[in-house]
Amino acid sequence: MCCPRRFIVLSCCLLAAAIAHADAGVPVSLDAYSQALSLYKAKNYPDARTAFQILAVDEPTNAKVRYFLGVIALKRNDFDDAIVQLEKATTLDPANSSYFAELGGAYGSAANQASLLSQLGLAKKCRFALEKAVELDSANLDARQGLVDYYRQAPSFLGGGVLKAYAQATEIRQRDLERGTLILGQLYVADRRFAEAIALFEELLQAQPDNYLGHYSIGRIAAESGQNLDAGGRHLQSCLQLKPGQGEPSHAAAYWRLGNIAERRYDSAAARLAYEKALQLDPKFSQALESLTKLK
């Protein structure tokens, strides 16, 4: 049980956080969980953490509270605390696929910063957690994508394997055409299977003709591989007729890739024009500036 003084201090922190965010449009609810969740959704992670910590004292068997404490710990790169909280969440709710997926991610992040000896144990735990997440929910695409990364990078004695990565990417594509195509296409490109990667994106564009990433991906593959340059140029021009979505490569990036393709053709004049156009659209686009500087 929490001591009275500590509870008062935590409660005061929560009240202060709620008042501070009332003006920001964050709804203040009488329900403590809803209030904590509102703080989390508002990306006020320090105050959300305090709110969930209070709930963890009052409701020690509430798996959702432990889950959010774990996710917030991941956001501040406190992987040890994230693992503690997410392990508690999976223990309290062992049928929740999302909890195991996040736990797998926490193990993986911790492994990246651990000593070699610790990495082995954390890597195994990462794989087991992600595989458990998929076992509980075959439609958990985040967990499947995590397994793609794991299988691709891990050695065979830790359960890795490129064929396993391809199998997971294929499963993702069957459930989400765009997401799966991007993931499977990256695997093909990493293995220098450029023609097969382009074919994948062409299939995507047959189903979704205005898919910006589909067009851009073909252009990028052409620019990086030197293959299918004509097709790559056409698809990058298509990008310029579409509006990129949030997080997608900009029109400046499309012009930069057009410049790359022009260089592949030894057309320095066209490459210069493309790089200059990219910089007109985005003067801080470092890749275009670097390419223009190196251009002879």
C-alpha atoms as a PDB file:
ATOM      1  CA  MET A   1       0.000   0.000   0.000  1.00  0.00           C
ATOM      2  CA  CYS A   2       1.270   3.474  -0.837  1.00  0.00           C
ATOM      3  CA  CYS A   3       2.125   5.685   2.139  1.00  0.00           C
ATOM      4  CA  PRO A   4      -0.306   8.651   2.608  1.00  0.00           C
ATOM      5  CA  ARG A   5       2.379  11.280   1.962  1.00  0.00           C
ATOM      6  CA  ARG A   6       3.475   9.687  -1.331  1.00  0.00           C
ATOM      7  CA  PHE A   7      -0.097   9.322  -2.496  1.00  0.00           C
ATOM      8  CA  ILE A   8      -0.777  13.001  -1.765  1.00  0.00           C
ATOM      9  CA  VAL A   9       2.312  14.062  -3.706  1.00  0.00           C
ATOM     10  CA  LEU A  10       1.413  11.912  -6.719  1.00  0.00           C
ATOM     11  CA  SER A  11      -2.199  13.073  -6.618  1.00  0.00           C
ATOM     12  CA  CYS A  12      -1.075  16.683  -6.585  1.00  0.00           C
ATOM     13  CA  CYS A  13       1.125  16.036  -9.612  1.00  0.00           C
ATOM     14  CA  LEU A  14      -1.790  14.492 -11.475  1.00  0.00           C
ATOM     15  CA  LEU A  15      -4.105  17.370 -10.585  1.00  0.00           C
ATOM     16  CA  ALA A  16      -1.520  19.906 -11.703  1.00  0.00           C
ATOM     17  CA  ALA A  17      -1.058  18.064 -14.990  1.00  0.00           C
ATOM     18  CA  ALA A  18      -4.789  17.974 -15.610  1.00  0.00           C
ATOM     19  CA  ILE A  19      -5.151  21.696 -14.926  1.00  0.00           C
ATOM     20  CA  ALA A  20      -2.164  22.523 -17.131  1.00  0.00           C
ATOM     21  CA  HIS A  21      -3.675  20.640 -20.064  1.00  0.00           C
ATOM     22  CA  ALA A  22      -7.243  21.827 -19.704  1.00  0.00           C
ATOM     23  CA  ASP A  23      -6.399  24.939 -21.715  1.00  0.00           C
ATOM     24  CA  ALA A  24      -4.743  22.764 -24.358  1.00  0.00           C
ATOM     25  CA  GLY A  25      -7.984  20.976 -25.117  1.00  0.00           C
ATOM     26  CA  VAL A  26      -7.235  17.818 -23.130  1.00  0.00           C
ATOM     27  CA  PRO A  27     -10.503  16.702 -21.499  1.00  0.00           C
ATOM     28  CA  VAL A  28     -10.403  16.379 -17.727  1.00  0.00           C
ATOM     29  CA  SER A  29     -12.356  13.288 -16.699  1.00  0.00           C
ATOM     30  CA  LEU A  30     -13.383  12.067 -13.273  1.00  0.00           C
ATOM     31  CA  ASP A  31     -12.236   8.640 -14.378  1.00  0.00           C
ATOM     32  CA  ALA A  32      -8.526   8.336 -13.547  1.00  0.00           C
ATOM     33  CA  TYR A  33      -7.766   5.968 -16.407  1.00  0.00           C
ATOM     34  CA  SER A  34      -9.466   8.180 -18.990  1.00  0.00           C
ATOM     35  CA  GLN A  35      -7.586  11.160 -17.646  1.00  0.00           C
ATOM     36  CA  ALA A  36      -4.251   9.347 -17.828  1.00  0.00           C
ATOM     37  CA  LEU A  37      -5.050   8.168 -21.356  1.00  0.00           C
ATOM     38  CA  SER A  38      -5.922  11.721 -22.398  1.00  0.00           C
ATOM     39  CA  LEU A  39      -2.537  12.922 -21.202  1.00  0.00           C
ATOM     40  CA  TYR A  40      -0.875  10.108 -23.135  1.00  0.00           C
ATOM     41  CA  LYS A  41      -2.776  10.891 -26.337  1.00  0.00           C
ATOM     42  CA  ALA A  42      -1.797  14.552 -25.927  1.00  0.00           C
ATOM     43  CA  LYS A  43       1.835  13.331 -25.936  1.00  0.00           C
ATOM     44  CA  ASN A  44       2.396  14.745 -22.467  1.00  0.00           C
ATOM     45  CA  TYR A  45       4.338  11.666 -21.480  1.00  0.00           C
ATOM     46  CA  PRO A  46       5.839  12.886 -18.169  1.00  0.00           C
ATOM     47  CA  ASP A  47       2.421  13.728 -16.728  1.00  0.00           C
ATOM     48  CA  ALA A  48       0.865  10.632 -18.277  1.00  0.00           C
ATOM     49  CA  ARG A  49       3.531   8.550 -16.577  1.00  0.00           C
ATOM     50  CA  THR A  50       2.676  10.117 -13.225  1.00  0.00           C
ATOM     51  CA  ALA A  51      -1.010   9.455 -13.805  1.00  0.00           C
ATOM     52  CA  PHE A  52      -0.449   5.816 -14.694  1.00  0.00           C
ATOM     53  CA  GLN A  53       1.902   5.394 -11.728  1.00  0.00           C
ATOM     54  CA  ILE A  54      -0.912   6.457  -9.428  1.00  0.00           C
ATOM     55  CA  LEU A  55      -3.193   3.953 -11.109  1.00  0.00           C
ATOM     56  CA  ALA A  56      -0.547   1.239 -10.737  1.00  0.00           C
ATOM     57  CA  VAL A  57      -0.551   1.824  -6.965  1.00  0.00           C
ATOM     58  CA  ASP A  58      -4.347   1.715  -6.779  1.00  0.00           C
ATOM     59  CA  GLU A  59      -4.811  -1.096  -9.317  1.00  0.00           C
ATOM     60  CA  PRO A  60      -1.689  -3.297  -9.241  1.00  0.00           C
ATOM     61  CA  THR A  61      -3.358  -6.015 -11.342  1.00  0.00           C
ATOM     62  CA  ASN A  62      -4.479  -3.692 -14.142  1.00  0.00           C
ATOM     63  CA  ALA A  63      -2.600  -4.901 -17.242  1.00  0.00           C
ATOM     64  CA  LYS A  64      -3.501  -1.828 -19.303  1.00  0.00           C
ATOM     65  CA  VAL A  65      -1.816   0.455 -16.790  1.00  0.00           C
ATOM     66  CA  ARG A  66       1.382  -1.596 -16.913  1.00  0.00           C
ATOM     67  CA  TYR A  67       1.243  -1.603 -20.710  1.00  0.00           C
ATOM     68  CA  PHE A  68       1.130   2.189 -20.934  1.00  0.00           C
ATOM     69  CA  LEU A  69       3.870   2.569 -18.356  1.00  0.00           C
ATOM     70  CA  GLY A  70       5.966   0.269 -20.534  1.00  0.00           C
ATOM     71  CA  VAL A  71       5.222   2.181 -23.723  1.00  0.00           C
ATOM     72  CA  ILE A  72       6.025   5.490 -22.051  1.00  0.00           C
ATOM     73  CA  ALA A  73       9.305   4.025 -20.788  1.00  0.00           C
ATOM     74  CA  LEU A  74      10.170   3.059 -24.368  1.00  0.00           C
ATOM     75  CA  LYS A  75       9.582   6.637 -25.486  1.00  0.00           C
ATOM     76  CA  ARG A  76      12.217   7.865 -23.048  1.00  0.00           C
ATOM     77  CA  ASN A  77      14.566   4.978 -23.984  1.00  0.00           C
ATOM     78  CA  ASP A  78      14.384   3.438 -20.521  1.00  0.00           C
ATOM     79  CA  PHE A  79      14.398  -0.116 -21.808  1.00  0.00           C
ATOM     80  CA  ASP A  80      14.915  -1.744 -18.410  1.00  0.00           C
ATOM     81  CA  ASP A  81      11.769  -0.159 -16.990  1.00  0.00           C
ATOM     82  CA  ALA A  82       9.884  -0.871 -20.215  1.00  0.00           C
ATOM     83  CA  ILE A  83      10.713  -4.559 -19.923  1.00  0.00           C
ATOM     84  CA  VAL A  84       9.654  -4.671 -16.272  1.00  0.00           C
ATOM     85  CA  GLN A  85       6.313  -3.017 -16.998  1.00  0.00           C
ATOM     86  CA  LEU A  86       5.544  -4.961 -20.169  1.00  0.00           C
ATOM     87  CA  GLU A  87       6.488  -8.282 -18.577  1.00  0.00           C
ATOM     88  CA  LYS A  88       3.954  -7.481 -15.846  1.00  0.00           C
ATOM     89  CA  ALA A  89       1.367  -6.603 -18.507  1.00  0.00           C
ATOM     90  CA  THR A  90       1.835  -9.917 -20.328  1.00  0.00           C
ATOM     91  CA  THR A  91       1.699 -11.820 -17.037  1.00  0.00           C
ATOM     92  CA  LEU A  92      -1.536 -10.107 -16.061  1.00  0.00           C
ATOM     93  CA  ASP A  93      -3.072 -10.527 -19.524  1.00  0.00           C
ATOM     94  CA  PRO A  94      -1.313 -13.449 -21.241  1.00  0.00           C
ATOM     95  CA  ALA A  95      -3.762 -13.493 -24.151  1.00  0.00           C
ATOM     96  CA  ASN A  96      -3.067  -9.946 -25.345  1.00  0.00           C
ATOM     97  CA  SER A  97      -1.077  -9.984 -28.588  1.00  0.00           C
ATOM     98  CA  SER A  98      -0.268  -6.269 -28.503  1.00  0.00           C
ATOM     99  CA  TYR A  99       1.402  -6.550 -25.114  1.00  0.00           C
ATOM    100  CA  PHE A 100       3.711  -9.293 -26.341  1.00  0.00           C
ATOM    101  CA  ALA A 101       4.518  -7.305 -29.493  1.00  0.00           C
ATOM    102  CA  GLU A 102       5.586  -4.283 -27.450  1.00  0.00           C
ATOM    103  CA  LEU A 103       7.552  -6.514 -25.083  1.00  0.00           C
ATOM    104  CA  GLY A 104       9.383  -8.004 -28.055  1.00  0.00           C
ATOM    105  CA  GLY A 105      10.253  -4.519 -29.224  1.00  0.00           C
ATOM    106  CA  ALA A 106      11.541  -3.624 -25.762  1.00  0.00           C
ATOM    107  CA  TYR A 107      13.773  -6.714 -25.670  1.00  0.00           C
ATOM    108  CA  GLY A 108      15.099  -5.865 -29.128  1.00  0.00           C
ATOM    109  CA  SER A 109      15.861  -2.259 -28.216  1.00  0.00           C
ATOM    110  CA  ALA A 110      17.604  -3.351 -25.031  1.00  0.00           C
ATOM    111  CA  ALA A 111      19.666  -5.887 -26.960  1.00  0.00           C
ATOM    112  CA  ASN A 112      21.003  -3.160 -29.240  1.00  0.00           C
ATOM    113  CA  GLN A 113      22.616  -1.469 -26.246  1.00  0.00           C
ATOM    114  CA  ALA A 114      23.616  -4.526 -24.228  1.00  0.00           C
ATOM    115  CA  SER A 115      26.892  -6.408 -23.920  1.00  0.00           C
ATOM    116  CA  LEU A 116      27.441  -9.345 -26.256  1.00  0.00           C
ATOM    117  CA  LEU A 117      26.575 -11.903 -23.590  1.00  0.00           C
ATOM    118  CA  SER A 118      23.361 -10.108 -22.652  1.00  0.00           C
ATOM    119  CA  GLN A 119      22.430  -9.632 -26.290  1.00  0.00           C
ATOM    120  CA  LEU A 120      22.009 -13.355 -26.787  1.00  0.00           C
ATOM    121  CA  GLY A 121      19.457 -13.742 -24.012  1.00  0.00           C
ATOM    122  CA  LEU A 122      17.569 -10.597 -24.970  1.00  0.00           C
ATOM    123  CA  ALA A 123      17.484 -11.636 -28.631  1.00  0.00           C
ATOM    124  CA  LYS A 124      15.897 -14.967 -27.744  1.00  0.00           C
ATOM    125  CA  LYS A 125      13.328 -13.235 -25.559  1.00  0.00           C
ATOM    126  CA  CYS A 126      12.599 -10.787 -28.392  1.00  0.00           C
ATOM    127  CA  ARG A 127      11.871 -13.621 -30.821  1.00  0.00           C
ATOM    128  CA  PHE A 128       9.753 -15.581 -28.348  1.00  0.00           C
ATOM    129  CA  ALA A 129       7.664 -12.502 -27.507  1.00  0.00           C
ATOM    130  CA  LEU A 130       7.066 -11.576 -31.154  1.00  0.00           C
ATOM    131  CA  GLU A 131       6.236 -15.135 -32.118  1.00  0.00           C
ATOM    132  CA  LYS A 132       3.842 -15.332 -29.177  1.00  0.00           C
ATOM    133  CA  ALA A 133       2.170 -12.119 -30.361  1.00  0.00           C
ATOM    134  CA  VAL A 134       1.593 -13.637 -33.812  1.00  0.00           C
ATOM    135  CA  GLU A 135       0.410 -16.905 -32.277  1.00  0.00           C
ATOM    136  CA  LEU A 136      -2.199 -14.988 -30.282  1.00  0.00           C
ATOM    137  CA  ASP A 137      -3.268 -12.834 -33.229  1.00  0.00           C
ATOM    138  CA  SER A 138      -2.230 -13.760 -36.758  1.00  0.00           C
ATOM    139  CA  ALA A 139      -3.380 -10.310 -37.935  1.00  0.00           C
ATOM    140  CA  ASN A 140      -0.918  -8.456 -35.686  1.00  0.00           C
ATOM    141  CA  LEU A 141       1.109  -6.933 -38.504  1.00  0.00           C
ATOM    142  CA  ASP A 142       3.378  -4.941 -36.190  1.00  0.00           C
ATOM    143  CA  ALA A 143       4.521  -8.190 -34.603  1.00  0.00           C
ATOM    144  CA  ARG A 144       4.987  -9.816 -38.001  1.00  0.00           C
ATOM    145  CA  GLN A 145       7.055  -6.850 -39.191  1.00  0.00           C
ATOM    146  CA  GLY A 146       9.155  -7.132 -36.048  1.00  0.00           C
ATOM    147  CA  LEU A 147       9.777 -10.768 -36.932  1.00  0.00           C
ATOM    148  CA  VAL A 148      10.809  -9.792 -40.455  1.00  0.00           C
ATOM    149  CA  ASP A 149      13.505  -7.558 -38.982  1.00  0.00           C
ATOM    150  CA  TYR A 150      14.530 -10.172 -36.446  1.00  0.00           C
ATOM    151  CA  TYR A 151      14.723 -13.096 -38.857  1.00  0.00           C
ATOM    152  CA  ARG A 152      16.613 -10.961 -41.371  1.00  0.00           C
ATOM    153  CA  GLN A 153      19.299  -9.884 -38.901  1.00  0.00           C
ATOM    154  CA  ALA A 154      19.627 -12.751 -36.413  1.00  0.00           C
ATOM    155  CA  PRO A 155      21.948 -15.702 -37.052  1.00  0.00           C
ATOM    156  CA  SER A 156      20.442 -19.152 -37.458  1.00  0.00           C
ATOM    157  CA  PHE A 157      21.462 -20.321 -33.973  1.00  0.00           C
ATOM    158  CA  LEU A 158      19.213 -17.568 -32.595  1.00  0.00           C
ATOM    159  CA  GLY A 159      16.326 -18.573 -34.828  1.00  0.00           C
ATOM    160  CA  GLY A 160      17.031 -16.176 -37.651  1.00  0.00           C
ATOM    161  CA  GLY A 161      16.821 -16.927 -41.346  1.00  0.00           C
ATOM    162  CA  VAL A 162      16.084 -15.008 -44.521  1.00  0.00           C
ATOM    163  CA  LEU A 163      13.450 -17.506 -45.668  1.00  0.00           C
ATOM    164  CA  LYS A 164      11.555 -16.919 -42.440  1.00  0.00           C
ATOM    165  CA  ALA A 165      11.719 -13.174 -43.089  1.00  0.00           C
ATOM    166  CA  TYR A 166      10.308 -13.632 -46.583  1.00  0.00           C
ATOM    167  CA  ALA A 167       7.500 -15.824 -45.225  1.00  0.00           C
ATOM    168  CA  GLN A 168       6.438 -13.173 -42.711  1.00  0.00           C
ATOM    169  CA  ALA A 169       6.612 -10.404 -45.314  1.00  0.00           C
ATOM    170  CA  THR A 170       4.424 -12.476 -47.635  1.00  0.00           C
ATOM    171  CA  GLU A 171       1.884 -12.993 -44.849  1.00  0.00           C
ATOM    172  CA  ILE A 172       1.799  -9.242 -44.234  1.00  0.00           C
ATOM    173  CA  ARG A 173       1.247  -8.583 -47.934  1.00  0.00           C
ATOM    174  CA  GLN A 174      -1.703 -10.940 -48.015  1.00  0.00           C
ATOM    175  CA  ARG A 175      -3.348  -8.869 -45.277  1.00  0.00           C
ATOM    176  CA  ASP A 176      -2.166  -5.371 -46.239  1.00  0.00           C
ATOM    177  CA  LEU A 177      -1.092  -4.996 -49.870  1.00  0.00           C
ATOM    178  CA  GLU A 178       0.752  -1.682 -49.527  1.00  0.00           C
ATOM    179  CA  ARG A 179       2.512  -2.419 -46.261  1.00  0.00           C
ATOM    180  CA  GLY A 180       3.459  -5.928 -47.288  1.00  0.00           C
ATOM    181  CA  THR A 181       4.721  -4.791 -50.685  1.00  0.00           C
ATOM    182  CA  LEU A 182       6.972  -2.192 -49.069  1.00  0.00           C
ATOM    183  CA  ILE A 183       8.401  -4.730 -46.630  1.00  0.00           C
ATOM    184  CA  LEU A 184       8.809  -7.541 -49.158  1.00  0.00           C
ATOM    185  CA  GLY A 185      10.213  -5.097 -51.688  1.00  0.00           C
ATOM    186  CA  GLN A 186      12.878  -4.007 -49.198  1.00  0.00           C
ATOM    187  CA  LEU A 187      13.906  -7.617 -48.736  1.00  0.00           C
ATOM    188  CA  TYR A 188      14.214  -8.086 -52.500  1.00  0.00           C
ATOM    189  CA  VAL A 189      16.294  -4.931 -52.837  1.00  0.00           C
ATOM    190  CA  ALA A 190      18.570  -5.963 -49.958  1.00  0.00           C
ATOM    191  CA  ASP A 191      19.169  -9.234 -51.831  1.00  0.00           C
ATOM    192  CA  ARG A 192      19.673  -7.325 -55.100  1.00  0.00           C
ATOM    193  CA  ARG A 193      16.599  -8.919 -56.632  1.00  0.00           C
ATOM    194  CA  PHE A 194      15.721  -5.646 -58.314  1.00  0.00           C
ATOM    195  CA  ALA A 195      13.501  -6.954 -61.111  1.00  0.00           C
ATOM    196  CA  GLU A 196      11.358  -8.889 -58.644  1.00  0.00           C
ATOM    197  CA  ALA A 197      11.081  -5.847 -56.401  1.00  0.00           C
ATOM    198  CA  ILE A 198       9.919  -3.680 -59.306  1.00  0.00           C
ATOM    199  CA  ALA A 199       7.404  -6.342 -60.305  1.00  0.00           C
ATOM    200  CA  LEU A 200       5.965  -6.263 -56.793  1.00  0.00           C
ATOM    201  CA  PHE A 201       5.444  -2.511 -56.919  1.00  0.00           C
ATOM    202  CA  GLU A 202       3.922  -2.725 -60.373  1.00  0.00           C
ATOM    203  CA  GLU A 203       1.380  -5.188 -58.961  1.00  0.00           C
ATOM    204  CA  LEU A 204       0.645  -2.694 -56.191  1.00  0.00           C
ATOM    205  CA  LEU A 205       0.103   0.066 -58.751  1.00  0.00           C
ATOM    206  CA  GLN A 206      -2.262  -2.107 -60.762  1.00  0.00           C
ATOM    207  CA  ALA A 207      -4.473  -2.265 -57.683  1.00  0.00           C
ATOM    208  CA  GLN A 208      -3.741   1.291 -56.499  1.00  0.00           C
ATOM    209  CA  PRO A 209      -2.720   3.423 -59.515  1.00  0.00           C
ATOM    210  CA  ASP A 210      -2.229   6.591 -57.448  1.00  0.00           C
ATOM    211  CA  ASN A 211      -0.117   4.989 -54.755  1.00  0.00           C
ATOM    212  CA  TYR A 212       2.666   7.555 -54.290  1.00  0.00           C
ATOM    213  CA  LEU A 213       5.045   5.178 -52.516  1.00  0.00           C
ATOM    214  CA  GLY A 214       4.584   2.587 -55.236  1.00  0.00           C
ATOM    215  CA  HIS A 215       5.680   5.043 -57.920  1.00  0.00           C
ATOM    216  CA  TYR A 216       8.513   6.440 -55.832  1.00  0.00           C
ATOM    217  CA  SER A 217       9.821   2.990 -54.907  1.00  0.00           C
ATOM    218  CA  ILE A 218      10.246   1.984 -58.538  1.00  0.00           C
ATOM    219  CA  GLY A 219      12.082   5.237 -59.188  1.00  0.00           C
ATOM    220  CA  ARG A 220      14.324   4.736 -56.175  1.00  0.00           C
ATOM    221  CA  ILE A 221      15.177   1.160 -57.161  1.00  0.00           C
ATOM    222  CA  ALA A 222      16.065   2.303 -60.676  1.00  0.00           C
ATOM    223  CA  ALA A 223      18.199   5.149 -59.373  1.00  0.00           C
ATOM    224  CA  GLU A 224      20.079   2.958 -56.914  1.00  0.00           C
ATOM    225  CA  SER A 225      20.496  -0.132 -59.091  1.00  0.00           C
ATOM    226  CA  GLY A 226      20.944   1.414 -62.525  1.00  0.00           C
ATOM    227  CA  GLN A 227      18.304  -0.957 -63.885  1.00  0.00           C
ATOM    228  CA  ASN A 228      14.968  -0.114 -65.531  1.00  0.00           C
ATOM    229  CA  LEU A 229      15.954   3.553 -65.820  1.00  0.00           C
ATOM    230  CA  ASP A 230      13.154   4.428 -68.254  1.00  0.00           C
ATOM    231  CA  ALA A 231      10.508   2.940 -65.984  1.00  0.00           C
ATOM    232  CA  GLY A 232      12.066   4.599 -62.963  1.00  0.00           C
ATOM    233  CA  GLY A 233      11.967   7.998 -64.610  1.00  0.00           C
ATOM    234  CA  ARG A 234       8.326   7.585 -65.655  1.00  0.00           C
ATOM    235  CA  HIS A 235       7.236   6.629 -62.170  1.00  0.00           C
ATOM    236  CA  LEU A 236       9.091   9.536 -60.586  1.00  0.00           C
ATOM    237  CA  GLN A 237       7.341  11.868 -63.014  1.00  0.00           C
ATOM    238  CA  SER A 238       4.074  10.307 -61.838  1.00  0.00           C
ATOM    239  CA  CYS A 239       5.050  11.196 -58.277  1.00  0.00           C
ATOM    240  CA  LEU A 240       5.251  14.840 -59.303  1.00  0.00           C
ATOM    241  CA  GLN A 241       1.600  14.668 -60.376  1.00  0.00           C
ATOM    242  CA  LEU A 242       0.525  13.290 -57.004  1.00  0.00           C
ATOM    243  CA  LYS A 243       0.561  14.699 -53.487  1.00  0.00           C
ATOM    244  CA  PRO A 244       2.829  12.835 -51.073  1.00  0.00           C
ATOM    245  CA  GLY A 245       1.229  11.708 -47.842  1.00  0.00           C
ATOM    246  CA  GLN A 246       2.556  12.399 -44.378  1.00  0.00           C
ATOM    247  CA  GLY A 247       5.958  10.802 -43.935  1.00  0.00           C
ATOM    248  CA  GLU A 248       6.336   9.998 -47.630  1.00  0.00           C
ATOM    249  CA  PRO A 249       9.252  11.268 -49.757  1.00  0.00           C
ATOM    250  CA  SER A 250       8.711  14.812 -50.969  1.00  0.00           C
ATOM    251  CA  HIS A 251       8.637  16.130 -54.520  1.00  0.00           C
ATOM    252  CA  ALA A 252      12.154  17.400 -53.836  1.00  0.00           C
ATOM    253  CA  ALA A 253      13.181  13.794 -53.190  1.00  0.00           C
ATOM    254  CA  ALA A 254      11.555  12.743 -56.468  1.00  0.00           C
ATOM    255  CA  TYR A 255      13.575  15.367 -58.354  1.00  0.00           C
ATOM    256  CA  TRP A 256      16.726  14.198 -56.577  1.00  0.00           C
ATOM    257  CA  ARG A 257      16.080  10.635 -57.733  1.00  0.00           C
ATOM    258  CA  LEU A 258      15.457  11.925 -61.260  1.00  0.00           C
ATOM    259  CA  GLY A 259      18.860  13.525 -61.030  1.00  0.00           C
ATOM    260  CA  ASN A 260      20.350  10.208 -59.940  1.00  0.00           C
ATOM    261  CA  ILE A 261      18.826   8.535 -62.980  1.00  0.00           C
ATOM    262  CA  ALA A 262      20.143  11.266 -65.267  1.00  0.00           C
ATOM    263  CA  GLU A 263      23.615  10.690 -63.864  1.00  0.00           C
ATOM    264  CA  ARG A 264      23.248   6.985 -64.584  1.00  0.00           C
ATOM    265  CA  ARG A 265      22.696   8.021 -68.207  1.00  0.00           C
ATOM    266  CA  TYR A 266      25.750  10.326 -68.100  1.00  0.00           C
ATOM    267  CA  ASP A 267      23.447  13.296 -68.708  1.00  0.00           C
ATOM    268  CA  SER A 268      25.052  15.870 -66.424  1.00  0.00           C
ATOM    269  CA  ALA A 269      22.933  18.760 -67.697  1.00  0.00           C
ATOM    270  CA  ALA A 270      19.661  16.991 -66.895  1.00  0.00           C
ATOM    271  CA  ALA A 271      21.012  15.860 -63.527  1.00  0.00           C
ATOM    272  CA  ARG A 272      22.002  19.437 -62.653  1.00  0.00           C
ATOM    273  CA  LEU A 273      18.549  20.735 -63.530  1.00  0.00           C
ATOM    274  CA  ALA A 274      16.898  18.039 -61.403  1.00  0.00           C
ATOM    275  CA  TYR A 275      19.113  18.724 -58.382  1.00  0.00           C
ATOM    276  CA  GLU A 276      18.560  22.460 -58.699  1.00  0.00           C
ATOM    277  CA  LYS A 277      14.803  21.901 -58.849  1.00  0.00           C
ATOM    278  CA  ALA A 278      14.990  19.753 -55.713  1.00  0.00           C
ATOM    279  CA  LEU A 279      16.832  22.534 -53.902  1.00  0.00           C
ATOM    280  CA  GLN A 280      14.332  25.119 -55.091  1.00  0.00           C
ATOM    281  CA  LEU A 281      11.605  23.073 -53.445  1.00  0.00           C
ATOM    282  CA  ASP A 282      13.672  22.318 -50.344  1.00  0.00           C
ATOM    283  CA  PRO A 283      16.835  24.420 -49.877  1.00  0.00           C
ATOM    284  CA  LYS A 284      17.837  22.254 -46.898  1.00  0.00           C
ATOM    285  CA  PHE A 285      17.697  18.978 -48.827  1.00  0.00           C
ATOM    286  CA  SER A 286      21.246  17.824 -48.070  1.00  0.00           C
ATOM    287  CA  GLN A 287      21.302  14.843 -50.458  1.00  0.00           C
ATOM    288  CA  ALA A 288      20.480  17.052 -53.451  1.00  0.00           C
ATOM    289  CA  LEU A 289      23.064  19.623 -52.387  1.00  0.00           C
ATOM    290  CA  GLU A 290      25.703  16.951 -52.024  1.00  0.00           C
ATOM    291  CA  SER A 291      24.852  15.430 -55.408  1.00  0.00           C
ATOM    292  CA  LEU A 292      24.951  18.844 -57.079  1.00  0.00           C
ATOM    293  CA  THR A 293      28.307  19.637 -55.483  1.00  0.00           C
ATOM    294  CA  LYS A 294      29.829  16.365 -56.685  1.00  0.00           C
ATOM    295  CA  LEU A 295      28.413  16.711 -60.192  1.00  0.00           C
ATOM    296  CA  LYS A 296      31.089  17.298 -62.819  1.00  0.00           C
END
